[in-house]
């Protein structure tokens, strides 16, 4: 647990995955990621939790937000480097998660 500021590093795949999310959510995504992950990215909250197993794209944490918590940002925290690597963004529709327009199993 730390109170220092983290640098946010966006994966190149994250940018391409944003194309599959409606533009009306883009500013919400930017603001939420900056507010939630800049300082306490490694602190578990109601909508921010560590994943029980690593994903295929290397994420160890999940951030849920948006209408009905439908948006998901997957990231990894490197406290020794003071960096958060933001690896993927997706939309949860019922029990299905879509990242980059494709269904993904976690």
Protein backbone atom coordinates (compact mmCIF):
# COMPACT_ATOMS: atom_id res chain seq x y z
CA UNK A 1 0.00 0.00 0.00
CA UNK A 2 1.38 3.37 -0.98
CA UNK A 3 0.38 7.03 -1.24
CA UNK A 4 2.97 8.07 -3.82
CA UNK A 5 1.96 9.03 -7.33
CA UNK A 6 2.12 6.36 -10.02
CA UNK A 7 3.00 7.03 -13.64
CA UNK A 8 0.28 5.63 -15.91
CA UNK A 9 1.67 3.69 -18.87
CA UNK A 10 -0.87 2.72 -21.52
CA UNK A 11 -0.28 -0.40 -23.61
CA UNK A 12 -0.58 0.07 -27.37
CA UNK A 13 -3.38 -2.52 -27.39
CA UNK A 14 -5.38 -0.35 -24.98
CA UNK A 15 -5.58 2.41 -27.58
CA UNK A 16 -6.88 0.05 -30.27
CA UNK A 17 -9.36 -1.51 -27.82
CA UNK A 18 -10.84 1.95 -27.15
CA UNK A 19 -12.19 1.95 -30.73
CA UNK A 20 -14.69 -0.73 -29.71
CA UNK A 21 -16.13 1.43 -26.92
CA UNK A 22 -18.66 4.15 -27.65
CA UNK A 23 -17.07 7.62 -27.81
CA UNK A 24 -19.45 8.95 -25.17
CA UNK A 25 -17.52 6.87 -22.59
CA UNK A 26 -14.00 7.99 -23.57
CA UNK A 27 -13.83 11.01 -21.24
CA UNK A 28 -15.29 8.94 -18.38
CA UNK A 29 -12.61 6.32 -18.96
CA UNK A 30 -9.80 8.89 -19.00
CA UNK A 31 -11.01 10.66 -15.83
CA UNK A 32 -11.72 7.44 -13.92
CA UNK A 33 -8.37 5.85 -14.77
CA UNK A 34 -6.50 8.99 -13.72
CA UNK A 35 -8.47 9.38 -10.47
CA UNK A 36 -8.46 5.71 -9.46
CA UNK A 37 -4.99 4.60 -10.52
CA UNK A 38 -2.68 7.60 -10.15
CA UNK A 39 -2.28 7.31 -6.37
CA UNK A 40 -3.64 4.11 -4.82
CA UNK A 41 -3.67 1.63 -7.68
CA UNK A 42 -2.52 -1.15 -5.36
CA UNK A 43 -5.27 -0.63 -2.75
CA UNK A 44 -8.29 -2.91 -2.95
CA UNK A 45 -11.67 -1.17 -2.94
CA UNK A 46 -15.22 -2.10 -3.83
CA UNK A 47 -14.55 -1.54 -7.56
CA UNK A 48 -10.80 -2.17 -7.67
CA UNK A 49 -9.56 -5.65 -6.89
CA UNK A 50 -6.63 -7.97 -7.49
CA UNK A 51 -7.34 -10.83 -9.88
CA UNK A 52 -7.02 -14.34 -8.51
CA UNK A 53 -4.98 -15.42 -11.51
CA UNK A 54 -2.99 -13.57 -14.13
CA UNK A 55 -4.70 -12.91 -17.45
CA UNK A 56 -3.34 -13.78 -20.87
CA UNK A 57 -2.37 -10.12 -21.32
CA UNK A 58 -0.55 -9.98 -17.97
CA UNK A 59 -2.99 -7.99 -15.82
CA UNK A 60 -3.09 -8.56 -12.10
CA UNK A 61 -5.76 -5.98 -11.15
CA UNK A 62 -9.22 -5.02 -12.36
CA UNK A 63 -11.02 -1.68 -12.11
CA UNK A 64 -14.81 -1.68 -12.61
CA UNK A 65 -16.83 1.47 -13.38
CA UNK A 66 -19.47 3.03 -15.62
CA UNK A 67 -23.19 2.33 -15.84
CA UNK A 68 -23.82 -0.88 -13.88
CA UNK A 69 -20.01 -1.35 -13.63
CA UNK A 70 -19.97 -2.48 -17.26
CA UNK A 71 -16.52 -1.06 -18.07
CA UNK A 72 -13.41 -2.96 -17.00
CA UNK A 73 -9.80 -1.77 -17.04
CA UNK A 74 -7.12 -4.40 -16.47
CA UNK A 75 -3.73 -3.33 -15.20
CA UNK A 76 -0.60 -4.30 -13.28
CA UNK A 77 1.11 -2.27 -10.57
CA UNK A 78 4.88 -1.96 -10.19
CA UNK A 79 5.37 -0.07 -6.90
CA UNK A 80 9.18 -0.26 -7.01
CA UNK A 81 9.09 1.68 -10.32
CA UNK A 82 6.05 3.78 -9.30
CA UNK A 83 4.27 2.70 -12.50
CA UNK A 84 0.89 1.31 -13.42
CA UNK A 85 0.74 -0.52 -16.75
CA UNK A 86 -2.76 -0.24 -18.15
CA UNK A 87 -3.07 -3.29 -20.36
CA UNK A 88 -6.65 -3.72 -21.53
CA UNK A 89 -10.14 -2.27 -21.48
CA UNK A 90 -13.36 -4.13 -22.02
CA UNK A 91 -17.10 -4.13 -21.63
CA UNK A 92 -18.95 -6.64 -19.50
CA UNK A 93 -22.33 -7.65 -20.91
CA UNK A 94 -24.03 -9.92 -18.41
CA UNK A 95 -21.56 -12.79 -17.89
CA UNK A 96 -19.52 -12.05 -21.01
CA UNK A 97 -16.46 -9.81 -21.27
CA UNK A 98 -15.55 -8.21 -24.58
CA UNK A 99 -12.09 -6.75 -25.16
CA UNK A 100 -11.32 -5.30 -28.55
CA UNK A 101 -14.64 -6.54 -29.89
CA UNK A 102 -13.88 -10.18 -29.02
CA UNK A 103 -15.19 -12.25 -26.15
CA UNK A 104 -12.52 -13.06 -23.58
CA UNK A 105 -12.54 -15.70 -20.83
CA UNK A 106 -10.90 -14.76 -17.55
